[in-house]
N, C-alpha and C. Protein backbone atom coordinates (compact mmCIF):
# COMPACT_ATOMS: atom_id res chain seq x y z
N MET A 1 0.83 -0.94 -0.12
CA MET A 1 -0.31 -0.58 -0.33
C MET A 1 0.97 0.95 -0.05
N ASN A 2 1.07 2.99 -1.31
CA ASN A 2 1.94 2.83 -1.26
C ASN A 2 1.05 4.30 -0.59
N LYS A 3 -0.35 4.24 -0.24
CA LYS A 3 -0.56 5.29 0.45
C LYS A 3 -1.62 5.78 1.41
N GLY A 4 -2.04 6.58 1.81
CA GLY A 4 -3.55 5.94 2.87
C GLY A 4 -4.16 6.61 2.63
N LEU A 5 -5.38 5.26 3.79
CA LEU A 5 -6.45 5.44 3.07
C LEU A 5 -7.19 6.25 4.85
N PHE A 6 -8.39 6.84 4.41
CA PHE A 6 -9.17 7.13 5.09
C PHE A 6 -10.01 5.83 5.04
N ILE A 7 -11.04 5.58 5.98
CA ILE A 7 -11.22 4.68 6.85
C ILE A 7 -12.71 5.04 7.99
N THR A 8 -13.86 5.27 7.88
CA THR A 8 -14.76 6.52 8.35
C THR A 8 -16.39 4.82 9.22
N PHE A 9 -16.34 5.16 10.76
CA PHE A 9 -16.91 3.83 10.59
C PHE A 9 -18.68 4.65 11.34
N GLU A 10 -19.81 3.70 10.78
CA GLU A 10 -21.21 4.24 11.33
C GLU A 10 -21.58 4.27 11.88
N GLY A 11 -22.99 4.27 12.48
CA GLY A 11 -24.58 3.75 13.30
C GLY A 11 -24.40 4.31 13.91
N ALA A 12 -25.71 3.77 14.76
CA ALA A 12 -26.34 4.41 15.64
C ALA A 12 -25.61 4.95 16.57
N ASP A 13 -25.59 5.25 18.08
CA ASP A 13 -25.28 5.52 19.71
C ASP A 13 -25.63 3.87 19.82
N GLY A 14 -24.37 3.14 20.44
CA GLY A 14 -25.08 2.39 20.64
C GLY A 14 -24.37 0.76 20.16
N SER A 15 -24.90 1.18 18.67
CA SER A 15 -23.71 -0.11 17.37
C SER A 15 -22.81 -0.69 18.36
N GLY A 16 -21.81 -0.46 18.29
CA GLY A 16 -20.02 -1.28 19.57
C GLY A 16 -19.49 -0.61 17.91
N LYS A 17 -19.52 0.79 17.26
CA LYS A 17 -18.67 1.29 16.17
C LYS A 17 -17.39 1.33 16.78
N THR A 18 -16.93 2.12 17.94
CA THR A 18 -16.24 2.81 18.71
C THR A 18 -15.92 1.56 19.51
N THR A 19 -16.26 0.45 20.14
CA THR A 19 -15.41 -0.06 20.15
C THR A 19 -14.69 -0.52 19.46
N GLN A 20 -15.45 -0.85 18.36
CA GLN A 20 -14.60 -1.76 16.58
C GLN A 20 -12.74 -1.23 16.75
N LEU A 21 -13.84 0.05 16.32
CA LEU A 21 -12.65 1.77 15.79
C LEU A 21 -11.07 1.26 16.87
N ASN A 22 -11.80 1.01 17.98
CA ASN A 22 -10.42 0.78 18.73
C ASN A 22 -9.44 -0.36 18.29
N LEU A 23 -10.50 -1.54 18.38
CA LEU A 23 -10.09 -2.72 18.46
C LEU A 23 -9.17 -2.99 17.09
N ILE A 24 -10.22 -2.11 15.82
CA ILE A 24 -9.14 -1.98 15.21
C ILE A 24 -8.11 -1.45 14.34
N LYS A 25 -7.64 -0.26 15.06
CA LYS A 25 -6.27 -0.20 15.41
C LYS A 25 -5.85 -0.20 15.88
N ASN A 26 -5.95 -1.22 17.13
CA ASN A 26 -4.75 -1.83 17.10
C ASN A 26 -4.53 -3.23 16.50
N PHE A 27 -5.41 -3.62 15.84
CA PHE A 27 -4.99 -4.70 15.04
C PHE A 27 -3.75 -3.90 14.34
N LEU A 28 -4.07 -3.00 13.38
CA LEU A 28 -3.04 -2.49 12.26
C LEU A 28 -2.13 -2.44 12.72
N GLU A 29 -1.55 -1.49 14.29
CA GLU A 29 -1.03 -1.36 14.49
C GLU A 29 0.39 -2.36 14.48
N GLU A 30 -0.63 -3.15 15.45
CA GLU A 30 -0.17 -4.94 15.55
C GLU A 30 0.89 -4.98 14.02
N LYS A 31 0.46 -4.76 12.90
CA LYS A 31 0.38 -5.26 10.98
C LYS A 31 1.73 -4.78 11.44
N GLY A 32 1.92 -3.43 12.06
CA GLY A 32 2.77 -2.37 11.07
C GLY A 32 2.30 -0.70 10.23
N PHE A 33 0.99 -1.01 10.76
CA PHE A 33 0.50 -0.23 9.94
C PHE A 33 0.47 1.68 10.81
N GLU A 34 0.71 2.19 10.00
CA GLU A 34 0.31 3.73 11.30
C GLU A 34 -0.52 4.57 11.02
N VAL A 35 -1.34 4.22 12.27
CA VAL A 35 -3.20 4.57 12.50
C VAL A 35 -2.67 5.46 13.11
N VAL A 36 -4.14 7.17 12.77
CA VAL A 36 -4.39 7.67 13.25
C VAL A 36 -6.13 7.93 13.85
N VAL A 37 -6.69 7.72 15.04
CA VAL A 37 -8.17 7.84 15.10
C VAL A 37 -8.44 9.33 15.48
N THR A 38 -9.10 9.67 14.92
CA THR A 38 -9.92 10.40 15.05
C THR A 38 -12.41 10.72 14.97
N ARG A 39 -12.63 12.00 15.17
CA ARG A 39 -14.67 11.19 14.99
C ARG A 39 -14.22 13.20 14.81
N GLU A 40 -15.62 12.86 14.79
CA GLU A 40 -16.48 14.21 13.82
C GLU A 40 -18.24 13.21 15.63
N PRO A 41 -18.10 14.74 15.44
CA PRO A 41 -17.68 16.70 15.86
C PRO A 41 -16.63 15.96 16.56
N GLY A 42 -15.20 17.01 17.26
CA GLY A 42 -15.03 17.70 17.91
C GLY A 42 -13.35 16.78 17.76
N ALA A 43 -13.08 16.28 17.02
CA ALA A 43 -11.29 16.24 17.11
C ALA A 43 -10.71 17.25 17.58
N LEU A 44 -10.93 18.02 17.43
CA LEU A 44 -9.17 19.25 17.34
C LEU A 44 -10.42 20.51 17.65
N ASP A 45 -9.39 21.25 18.50
CA ASP A 45 -9.31 22.99 20.11
C ASP A 45 -10.75 22.92 19.37
N LEU A 46 -10.71 23.36 18.15
CA LEU A 46 -11.87 24.34 17.40
C LEU A 46 -13.27 22.75 17.50
N GLY A 47 -13.02 22.21 17.15
CA GLY A 47 -14.10 21.43 16.95
C GLY A 47 -14.91 20.49 18.79
N LYS A 48 -14.12 20.38 19.28
CA LYS A 48 -14.52 19.98 20.52
C LYS A 48 -14.68 21.19 21.35
N LYS A 49 -14.97 22.50 21.04
CA LYS A 49 -15.59 23.82 21.52
C LYS A 49 -17.68 23.13 20.43
N ILE A 50 -17.15 23.55 19.84
CA ILE A 50 -18.21 22.88 18.33
C ILE A 50 -19.43 21.38 18.81
N ARG A 51 -17.92 20.84 19.42
CA ARG A 51 -19.12 19.31 20.04
C ARG A 51 -20.09 19.84 21.02
N GLU A 52 -19.28 20.23 22.26
CA GLU A 52 -20.02 21.09 23.41
C GLU A 52 -21.36 21.57 23.92
N ILE A 53 -21.31 22.80 22.05
CA ILE A 53 -23.01 22.90 22.34
C ILE A 53 -23.73 21.83 21.12
N LEU A 54 -22.98 20.98 20.57
CA LEU A 54 -23.84 20.13 19.52
C LEU A 54 -24.88 18.80 20.69
N LEU A 55 -23.78 18.20 21.19
CA LEU A 55 -23.91 17.72 22.57
C LEU A 55 -25.32 17.87 23.94
N HIS A 56 -24.28 18.52 24.02
CA HIS A 56 -25.09 19.77 26.21
C HIS A 56 -25.52 20.92 25.68
N TYR A 57 -25.41 21.71 25.02
CA TYR A 57 -26.63 23.06 25.18
C TYR A 57 -27.34 22.03 25.04
N ASP A 58 -27.81 23.62 26.69
CA ASP A 58 -29.68 22.78 27.41
C ASP A 58 -30.31 24.05 27.20
N GLY A 59 -29.82 24.81 26.06
CA GLY A 59 -31.04 25.69 25.25
C GLY A 59 -31.12 25.19 23.68
N VAL A 60 -32.64 26.06 23.24
CA VAL A 60 -33.27 25.79 21.36
C VAL A 60 -31.82 25.47 20.15
N VAL A 61 -31.62 25.05 20.68
CA VAL A 61 -30.54 24.84 19.21
C VAL A 61 -31.48 24.33 17.45
N ALA A 62 -32.12 25.61 16.54
CA ALA A 62 -32.35 25.03 15.68
C ALA A 62 -31.53 24.82 14.56
N ASP A 63 -33.11 23.94 13.51
CA ASP A 63 -32.45 22.52 12.54
C ASP A 63 -30.75 23.10 12.06
N ARG A 64 -31.38 24.12 11.84
CA ARG A 64 -30.28 24.24 10.23
C ARG A 64 -29.14 24.89 11.10
N CYS A 65 -29.39 25.94 12.29
CA CYS A 65 -28.18 25.44 13.22
C CYS A 65 -27.07 24.81 13.46
N GLU A 66 -27.75 23.19 14.24
CA GLU A 66 -27.26 22.47 14.21
C GLU A 66 -27.06 21.72 13.60
N LEU A 67 -27.16 21.28 11.89
CA LEU A 67 -25.92 20.96 11.14
C LEU A 67 -24.55 21.82 10.00
N PHE A 68 -25.15 23.60 10.26
CA PHE A 68 -23.88 24.04 9.95
C PHE A 68 -22.87 23.47 10.69
N LEU A 69 -23.28 23.77 12.40
CA LEU A 69 -22.30 23.93 13.05
C LEU A 69 -20.97 22.11 12.19
N PHE A 70 -21.87 21.38 12.65
CA PHE A 70 -21.71 20.11 12.06
C PHE A 70 -21.05 20.08 10.78
N LEU A 71 -21.32 20.96 9.47
CA LEU A 71 -21.00 21.25 8.68
C LEU A 71 -19.73 22.42 9.01
N ALA A 72 -19.31 22.87 9.60
CA ALA A 72 -18.35 23.40 9.81
C ALA A 72 -16.68 22.69 10.59
N ASP A 73 -17.41 21.96 12.10
CA ASP A 73 -16.81 21.07 12.32
C ASP A 73 -15.52 20.52 11.63
N ARG A 74 -16.33 19.83 10.08
CA ARG A 74 -15.98 18.95 9.53
C ARG A 74 -15.44 19.46 8.59
N ALA A 75 -15.19 20.71 8.04
CA ALA A 75 -14.48 21.41 7.26
C ALA A 75 -13.04 21.56 7.40
N GLN A 76 -13.24 21.94 8.99
CA GLN A 76 -11.94 22.14 10.25
C GLN A 76 -11.10 21.03 10.08
N HIS A 77 -11.70 19.73 10.30
CA HIS A 77 -11.24 18.57 10.68
C HIS A 77 -10.59 17.78 9.47
N VAL A 78 -11.22 18.17 7.99
CA VAL A 78 -11.07 17.28 6.50
C VAL A 78 -9.19 18.48 6.61
N GLU A 79 -9.38 19.35 6.68
CA GLU A 79 -8.32 20.30 6.36
C GLU A 79 -7.83 20.67 7.26
N THR A 80 -7.49 20.38 7.65
CA THR A 80 -6.57 20.65 9.09
C THR A 80 -5.53 19.02 9.42
N PHE A 81 -7.05 17.99 9.50
CA PHE A 81 -6.37 17.02 10.04
C PHE A 81 -6.23 15.75 9.15
N ILE A 82 -7.89 15.09 8.61
CA ILE A 82 -7.15 13.85 7.61
C ILE A 82 -6.49 14.19 6.35
N LYS A 83 -6.55 14.89 5.65
CA LYS A 83 -6.35 15.38 4.10
C LYS A 83 -4.65 15.00 4.41
N PRO A 84 -3.78 16.08 5.68
CA PRO A 84 -2.59 16.27 5.93
C PRO A 84 -2.58 14.81 6.19
N ASN A 85 -2.31 13.62 6.82
CA ASN A 85 -2.40 12.46 7.06
C ASN A 85 -2.41 11.58 6.24
N ILE A 86 -3.35 11.34 5.11
CA ILE A 86 -3.61 10.73 4.20
C ILE A 86 -2.45 10.83 3.22
N GLU A 87 -1.50 12.16 3.77
CA GLU A 87 -1.09 12.71 1.91
C GLU A 87 0.63 11.64 2.92
N GLN A 88 0.87 11.77 3.50
CA GLN A 88 1.32 11.14 4.71
C GLN A 88 1.71 9.53 4.71
N GLY A 89 0.63 8.70 4.25
CA GLY A 89 0.04 7.93 4.27
C GLY A 89 -0.35 6.64 5.49
N LYS A 90 -0.55 7.35 6.14
CA LYS A 90 -0.97 6.87 7.05
C LYS A 90 -2.80 6.56 6.78
N ILE A 91 -3.06 5.95 7.89
CA ILE A 91 -5.13 4.68 7.80
C ILE A 91 -4.91 5.99 9.35
N VAL A 92 -5.48 6.72 8.47
CA VAL A 92 -7.13 7.65 9.04
C VAL A 92 -8.47 7.01 9.30
N LEU A 93 -8.15 6.40 10.28
CA LEU A 93 -10.21 6.11 10.99
C LEU A 93 -10.44 7.20 11.69
N CYS A 94 -11.63 7.52 11.47
CA CYS A 94 -12.44 8.69 11.81
C CYS A 94 -14.09 7.57 12.11
N ASP A 95 -14.87 8.03 14.22
CA ASP A 95 -15.86 7.82 14.08
C ASP A 95 -16.78 8.81 13.57
N ARG A 96 -17.62 8.44 12.58
CA ARG A 96 -17.73 8.89 11.64
C ARG A 96 -18.15 10.36 11.22
N HIS A 97 -18.41 10.56 9.46
CA HIS A 97 -18.25 11.37 9.18
C HIS A 97 -19.58 11.71 8.05
N THR A 98 -19.63 12.25 7.13
CA THR A 98 -20.92 12.71 5.84
C THR A 98 -22.14 11.70 6.15
N ASP A 99 -21.71 10.95 6.51
CA ASP A 99 -23.25 10.08 6.24
C ASP A 99 -23.98 9.82 7.60
N SER A 100 -23.24 10.54 8.16
CA SER A 100 -23.40 10.79 9.56
C SER A 100 -24.94 11.99 9.30
N THR A 101 -24.61 13.12 9.23
CA THR A 101 -25.54 14.13 8.94
C THR A 101 -26.17 14.16 7.66
N VAL A 102 -26.45 13.01 7.01
CA VAL A 102 -27.14 13.01 6.11
C VAL A 102 -28.05 11.48 6.88
N ALA A 103 -27.91 10.69 7.49
CA ALA A 103 -29.17 10.10 8.56
C ALA A 103 -29.47 10.87 9.79
N TYR A 104 -28.93 11.12 10.12
CA TYR A 104 -29.25 11.76 11.39
C TYR A 104 -30.17 13.18 11.16
N GLN A 105 -29.34 14.63 11.11
CA GLN A 105 -30.02 15.62 9.76
C GLN A 105 -30.69 15.71 8.78
N GLY A 106 -30.34 14.51 7.78
CA GLY A 106 -31.04 14.19 6.34
C GLY A 106 -32.50 13.54 7.10
N TYR A 107 -32.33 11.77 6.79
CA TYR A 107 -33.89 11.05 7.14
C TYR A 107 -33.83 11.49 8.85
N GLY A 108 -33.28 11.35 10.02
CA GLY A 108 -34.40 11.72 11.33
C GLY A 108 -34.51 13.25 11.34
N ARG A 109 -34.09 14.28 11.28
CA ARG A 109 -34.77 15.08 11.05
C ARG A 109 -35.51 15.97 9.92
N GLY A 110 -35.54 15.41 9.22
CA GLY A 110 -36.46 15.41 7.96
C GLY A 110 -36.61 16.48 6.73
N GLN A 111 -34.60 17.30 6.67
CA GLN A 111 -34.12 18.32 6.51
C GLN A 111 -34.32 17.42 4.90
N ASP A 112 -33.82 18.54 3.45
CA ASP A 112 -33.79 17.83 2.63
C ASP A 112 -31.67 16.95 1.77
N VAL A 113 -32.27 15.78 1.64
CA VAL A 113 -31.46 14.91 1.92
C VAL A 113 -30.39 15.47 0.61
N LYS A 114 -30.40 15.92 -0.68
CA LYS A 114 -30.30 15.66 -1.68
C LYS A 114 -29.12 17.32 -1.53
N LEU A 115 -30.23 17.69 -0.90
CA LEU A 115 -29.19 19.43 0.12
C LEU A 115 -28.36 19.01 0.62
N LEU A 116 -28.37 18.00 1.62
CA LEU A 116 -27.32 18.23 2.62
C LEU A 116 -25.70 17.26 1.81
N LYS A 117 -26.79 15.98 1.39
CA LYS A 117 -24.88 15.76 0.24
C LYS A 117 -24.22 16.90 0.23
N ASP A 118 -25.08 17.84 -0.97
CA ASP A 118 -24.15 18.62 -2.57
C ASP A 118 -23.71 19.59 -0.64
N LEU A 119 -23.91 19.79 0.52
CA LEU A 119 -23.24 20.85 1.04
C LEU A 119 -22.24 20.02 1.92
N ASN A 120 -22.00 18.88 2.21
CA ASN A 120 -21.11 17.36 2.38
C ASN A 120 -19.79 17.48 1.80
N LYS A 121 -20.19 17.39 0.65
CA LYS A 121 -19.04 17.77 -0.25
C LYS A 121 -18.67 19.06 -0.71
N LEU A 122 -19.25 19.86 -0.55
CA LEU A 122 -18.20 21.24 0.03
C LEU A 122 -17.49 22.12 0.96
N ALA A 123 -17.54 20.93 1.97
CA ALA A 123 -16.94 21.16 3.51
C ALA A 123 -16.31 19.85 3.22
N VAL A 124 -16.17 19.21 2.64
CA VAL A 124 -14.63 18.14 2.96
C VAL A 124 -14.17 18.16 1.21
N ASN A 125 -14.30 18.73 0.56
CA ASN A 125 -13.66 19.63 -0.26
C ASN A 125 -13.69 18.00 -1.17
N ASN A 126 -15.15 17.49 -2.16
CA ASN A 126 -14.94 16.13 -2.38
C ASN A 126 -13.84 15.27 -1.81
N LEU A 127 -13.22 14.87 -1.17
CA LEU A 127 -13.03 13.41 0.28
C LEU A 127 -14.23 13.02 0.09
N THR A 128 -13.74 11.49 -0.47
CA THR A 128 -14.77 10.84 -0.04
C THR A 128 -14.17 9.62 0.54
N PRO A 129 -14.71 8.65 1.82
CA PRO A 129 -13.81 7.57 2.29
C PRO A 129 -13.35 6.22 1.20
N ASP A 130 -12.37 5.73 1.31
CA ASP A 130 -11.83 5.01 0.62
C ASP A 130 -13.18 4.03 0.80
N LEU A 131 -13.81 3.94 2.30
CA LEU A 131 -14.12 2.61 2.80
C LEU A 131 -15.27 3.23 3.79
N THR A 132 -16.14 2.90 3.55
CA THR A 132 -17.36 2.27 5.42
C THR A 132 -17.54 2.13 5.56
N LEU A 133 -17.55 1.61 7.44
CA LEU A 133 -18.21 0.16 8.11
C LEU A 133 -19.83 0.98 8.27
N LEU A 134 -21.06 0.64 8.02
CA LEU A 134 -21.94 0.81 8.61
C LEU A 134 -22.98 -0.86 9.29
N PHE A 135 -21.88 -0.35 11.06
CA PHE A 135 -22.87 -0.99 11.84
C PHE A 135 -23.97 -1.41 12.98
N ASP A 136 -24.92 -1.93 12.07
CA ASP A 136 -26.37 -1.59 12.42
C ASP A 136 -26.54 -2.60 13.09
N VAL A 137 -27.48 -2.07 13.67
CA VAL A 137 -28.76 -2.50 15.35
C VAL A 137 -29.38 -2.68 15.25
N SER A 138 -30.38 -3.15 16.23
CA SER A 138 -31.79 -2.64 15.64
C SER A 138 -31.87 -1.26 17.15
N THR A 139 -32.92 -0.78 17.32
CA THR A 139 -33.23 0.04 17.59
C THR A 139 -32.58 0.62 18.53
N GLU A 140 -34.18 -0.44 19.56
CA GLU A 140 -34.75 -0.92 20.36
C GLU A 140 -33.20 -1.40 21.60
N VAL A 141 -32.25 -2.06 20.71
CA VAL A 141 -31.48 -2.97 21.27
C VAL A 141 -30.17 -1.70 21.37
N ALA A 142 -29.67 -0.75 20.14
CA ALA A 142 -28.78 0.39 20.09
C ALA A 142 -29.56 1.15 21.78
N GLN A 143 -30.48 1.48 21.84
CA GLN A 143 -30.63 1.93 22.83
C GLN A 143 -30.76 1.64 24.20
N GLN A 144 -30.66 0.80 24.55
CA GLN A 144 -30.77 -0.40 25.45
C GLN A 144 -29.19 0.20 25.95
N ARG A 145 -28.53 -0.88 25.34
CA ARG A 145 -26.79 -0.17 25.23
C ARG A 145 -26.34 1.02 25.79
N VAL A 146 -27.14 2.39 25.11
CA VAL A 146 -26.25 3.42 25.77
C VAL A 146 -27.10 3.99 26.84
N GLY A 147 -27.64 3.43 27.75
CA GLY A 147 -28.37 3.62 29.10
C GLY A 147 -28.96 4.91 29.73
N ASN A 148 -29.49 4.83 30.28
CA ASN A 148 -29.83 5.91 31.03
C ASN A 148 -29.34 7.83 30.68
N GLU A 149 -27.75 7.09 30.66
CA GLU A 149 -27.52 8.58 29.91
C GLU A 149 -26.51 9.18 29.44
N LYS A 150 -27.57 10.80 28.71
CA LYS A 150 -27.79 9.99 27.10
C LYS A 150 -26.58 11.56 26.09
N ASP A 151 -26.56 12.11 25.93
CA ASP A 151 -26.24 13.64 25.82
C ASP A 151 -28.01 14.07 24.36
N ARG A 152 -27.76 15.26 23.79
CA ARG A 152 -28.45 15.69 23.83
C ARG A 152 -29.06 15.00 22.23
N MET A 153 -28.34 15.21 21.22
CA MET A 153 -28.87 13.16 20.31
C MET A 153 -29.43 12.15 20.76
N GLU A 154 -28.46 11.97 21.80
CA GLU A 154 -28.72 10.80 21.98
C GLU A 154 -30.27 10.64 22.87
N ALA A 155 -31.08 11.27 23.44
CA ALA A 155 -32.16 11.98 24.23
C ALA A 155 -33.75 12.04 23.07
N ILE A 156 -33.29 11.50 21.97
CA ILE A 156 -34.05 11.98 21.00
C ILE A 156 -35.67 11.88 21.10
N GLY A 157 -35.30 10.51 20.69
CA GLY A 157 -35.87 9.41 21.33
C GLY A 157 -36.38 8.58 20.23
N LEU A 158 -37.12 7.37 20.43
CA LEU A 158 -37.22 5.69 19.27
C LEU A 158 -37.74 6.10 17.62
N GLU A 159 -38.59 6.74 18.05
CA GLU A 159 -39.25 7.52 16.85
C GLU A 159 -37.34 8.73 15.82
N PHE A 160 -37.29 8.55 16.31
CA PHE A 160 -35.77 9.77 15.05
C PHE A 160 -34.68 8.51 15.59
N HIS A 161 -34.50 8.02 16.35
CA HIS A 161 -33.56 6.71 16.10
C HIS A 161 -34.17 5.22 15.51
N LYS A 162 -35.23 4.97 14.56
CA LYS A 162 -35.34 4.10 13.95
C LYS A 162 -35.12 5.11 12.28
N LYS A 163 -35.75 6.10 12.25
CA LYS A 163 -36.05 6.99 11.03
C LYS A 163 -34.51 7.51 10.94
N VAL A 164 -33.01 7.56 11.18
CA VAL A 164 -32.22 7.61 10.77
C VAL A 164 -31.65 6.34 11.10
N ARG A 165 -31.77 4.66 11.41
CA ARG A 165 -30.87 4.11 11.26
C ARG A 165 -32.32 3.43 10.04
N ASN A 166 -33.69 3.76 8.97
CA ASN A 166 -33.22 3.47 8.07
C ASN A 166 -32.48 4.53 7.00
N GLY A 167 -31.88 5.32 7.16
CA GLY A 167 -31.91 6.22 6.53
C GLY A 167 -30.16 5.45 5.84
N TYR A 168 -30.42 5.63 7.17
CA TYR A 168 -28.10 4.46 6.96
C TYR A 168 -28.26 3.53 5.80
N LEU A 169 -29.73 2.77 5.94
CA LEU A 169 -29.66 1.34 5.89
C LEU A 169 -29.98 2.06 4.24
N GLU A 170 -30.86 3.12 3.82
CA GLU A 170 -30.83 3.14 2.85
C GLU A 170 -29.24 3.87 1.88
N LEU A 171 -29.15 4.19 2.30
CA LEU A 171 -27.47 4.82 2.26
C LEU A 171 -26.78 4.46 1.47
N GLN A 172 -26.56 3.03 2.96
CA GLN A 172 -25.09 1.19 1.93
C GLN A 172 -26.45 1.27 0.88
N LYS A 173 -27.85 1.08 0.26
CA LYS A 173 -27.93 0.38 -0.76
C LYS A 173 -27.83 1.18 -2.13
N GLU A 174 -27.51 3.04 -2.00
CA GLU A 174 -26.71 4.15 -2.61
C GLU A 174 -25.43 3.42 -2.88
N ASN A 175 -24.35 3.38 -2.05
CA ASN A 175 -23.21 3.05 -2.44
C ASN A 175 -22.95 1.89 -2.01
N PRO A 176 -22.69 1.09 -2.01
CA PRO A 176 -22.45 -0.28 -1.93
C PRO A 176 -21.55 -1.55 -2.08
N GLU A 177 -20.99 -0.45 -3.02
CA GLU A 177 -19.29 -0.74 -2.95
C GLU A 177 -18.73 0.01 -1.47
N ARG A 178 -19.16 1.59 -1.51
CA ARG A 178 -18.56 1.72 -0.63
C ARG A 178 -18.08 1.62 0.93
N ILE A 179 -19.93 1.88 1.44
CA ILE A 179 -20.09 0.81 2.91
C ILE A 179 -20.23 -0.34 2.87
N LYS A 180 -19.88 -0.77 3.01
CA LYS A 180 -19.85 -2.39 4.14
C LYS A 180 -20.88 -2.61 5.27
N LEU A 181 -22.07 -3.06 5.74
CA LEU A 181 -23.08 -3.13 6.04
C LEU A 181 -22.63 -4.12 6.82
N ILE A 182 -22.52 -4.28 8.58
CA ILE A 182 -22.34 -5.15 9.54
C ILE A 182 -23.27 -5.41 10.96
N ASN A 183 -23.78 -6.09 10.42
CA ASN A 183 -24.20 -7.07 12.00
C ASN A 183 -24.01 -7.17 13.08
N ALA A 184 -24.58 -6.23 13.15
CA ALA A 184 -23.48 -5.74 15.07
C ALA A 184 -24.72 -5.51 16.48
N ASN A 185 -25.77 -6.78 15.83
CA ASN A 185 -27.03 -7.68 16.51
C ASN A 185 -25.38 -8.52 17.47
N ASN A 186 -24.00 -9.03 16.27
CA ASN A 186 -23.46 -9.78 16.97
C ASN A 186 -23.07 -9.85 18.92
N SER A 187 -21.85 -11.33 19.12
CA SER A 187 -20.31 -10.06 19.40
C SER A 187 -20.12 -9.72 19.09
N ILE A 188 -19.42 -8.89 20.25
CA ILE A 188 -17.88 -7.91 19.99
C ILE A 188 -16.68 -9.46 19.25
N GLU A 189 -16.29 -10.40 19.76
CA GLU A 189 -15.28 -10.41 19.07
C GLU A 189 -15.80 -10.66 17.63
N THR A 190 -17.82 -11.63 16.87
CA THR A 190 -17.68 -11.99 15.50
C THR A 190 -18.29 -11.01 15.42
N VAL A 191 -18.31 -9.20 15.44
CA VAL A 191 -18.18 -8.13 14.33
C VAL A 191 -16.70 -7.60 14.34
N PHE A 192 -15.88 -8.46 14.84
CA PHE A 192 -15.14 -7.50 15.77
C PHE A 192 -14.23 -8.85 14.04
N GLU A 193 -14.76 -9.36 13.49
CA GLU A 193 -14.06 -10.38 12.49
C GLU A 193 -14.37 -10.33 11.41
N ASP A 194 -16.14 -10.00 11.76
CA ASP A 194 -16.31 -9.44 10.25
C ASP A 194 -15.69 -8.24 9.97
N THR A 195 -14.87 -7.15 10.97
CA THR A 195 -15.13 -6.12 10.16
C THR A 195 -12.83 -5.60 10.02
N LYS A 196 -12.95 -7.10 10.59
CA LYS A 196 -10.71 -7.25 9.84
C LYS A 196 -11.19 -7.32 8.45
N ASN A 197 -12.38 -8.89 8.20
CA ASN A 197 -11.70 -9.31 6.83
C ASN A 197 -11.89 -8.58 5.83
N ILE A 198 -13.32 -7.45 6.15
CA ILE A 198 -13.32 -6.01 5.34
C ILE A 198 -12.43 -5.02 4.45
N ILE A 199 -12.07 -4.64 6.11
CA ILE A 199 -10.27 -3.83 5.85
C ILE A 199 -9.61 -4.47 5.49
N ILE A 200 -8.58 -5.99 5.70
CA ILE A 200 -7.60 -6.73 5.16
C ILE A 200 -7.92 -6.42 3.20
N ASN A 201 -9.72 -6.93 3.30
CA ASN A 201 -9.39 -6.78 1.93
C ASN A 201 -9.28 -6.30 1.62
N LEU A 202 -9.71 -4.53 1.82
CA LEU A 202 -9.43 -3.41 0.96
C LEU A 202 -7.96 -3.65 0.31
N ILE A 203 -6.95 -3.36 2.01
CA ILE A 203 -5.70 -3.35 1.88
C ILE A 203 -4.95 -3.55 1.35
N GLU A 204 -6.06 -5.12 0.61
CA GLU A 204 -4.99 -5.72 -0.61
C GLU A 204 -4.91 -5.47 -1.66
N GLU A 205 -6.24 -4.87 -2.06
CA GLU A 205 -6.85 -4.12 -2.78
C GLU A 205 -5.59 -2.90 -3.49
N LYS A 206 -6.10 -1.72 -2.16
CA LYS A 206 -4.87 -1.18 -3.52
C LYS A 206 -2.70 -1.75 -2.81
């Protein structure tokens, strides 16, 4: 592999995507790859302030305001962190990216999906992940895993999160080559094996 890779981890809160991201990081580092882990929103100093507003602000946040906060964080993140690391030949593992915005603000909040996709392209300057792993789990199970301590997004309600899940599944149907569906109802070990095999195939292709 002569250049870096950009791999995103998507799914509902409680899907186990962050656990799998960390397991994959350890696996790849053991294989000798240089790996960086990041997240959206809130990877960088500016983003951390935006993340605090998005997840914990206790006042009203208008839907479009919420959207542009996510996009502002993403534009900064891509230009100052993701792209430079890819150019240095590193594997970038990112917890949430553009598909989260379409699933949550588009399908969940009911905003214009096509417009969101266009705004995402603007924010990332046409950067596309080499691979997106979608960890799919039933909404009821995901909410149980999250528990009672929920942030502002997690606490919206069951119907909202069902719409988000359906949005993710629709995105996967539209982009089967990039977005690989993983059954996250299975054990951590089984999910890890599925995830690892998909990533190994990508690296071998590169």
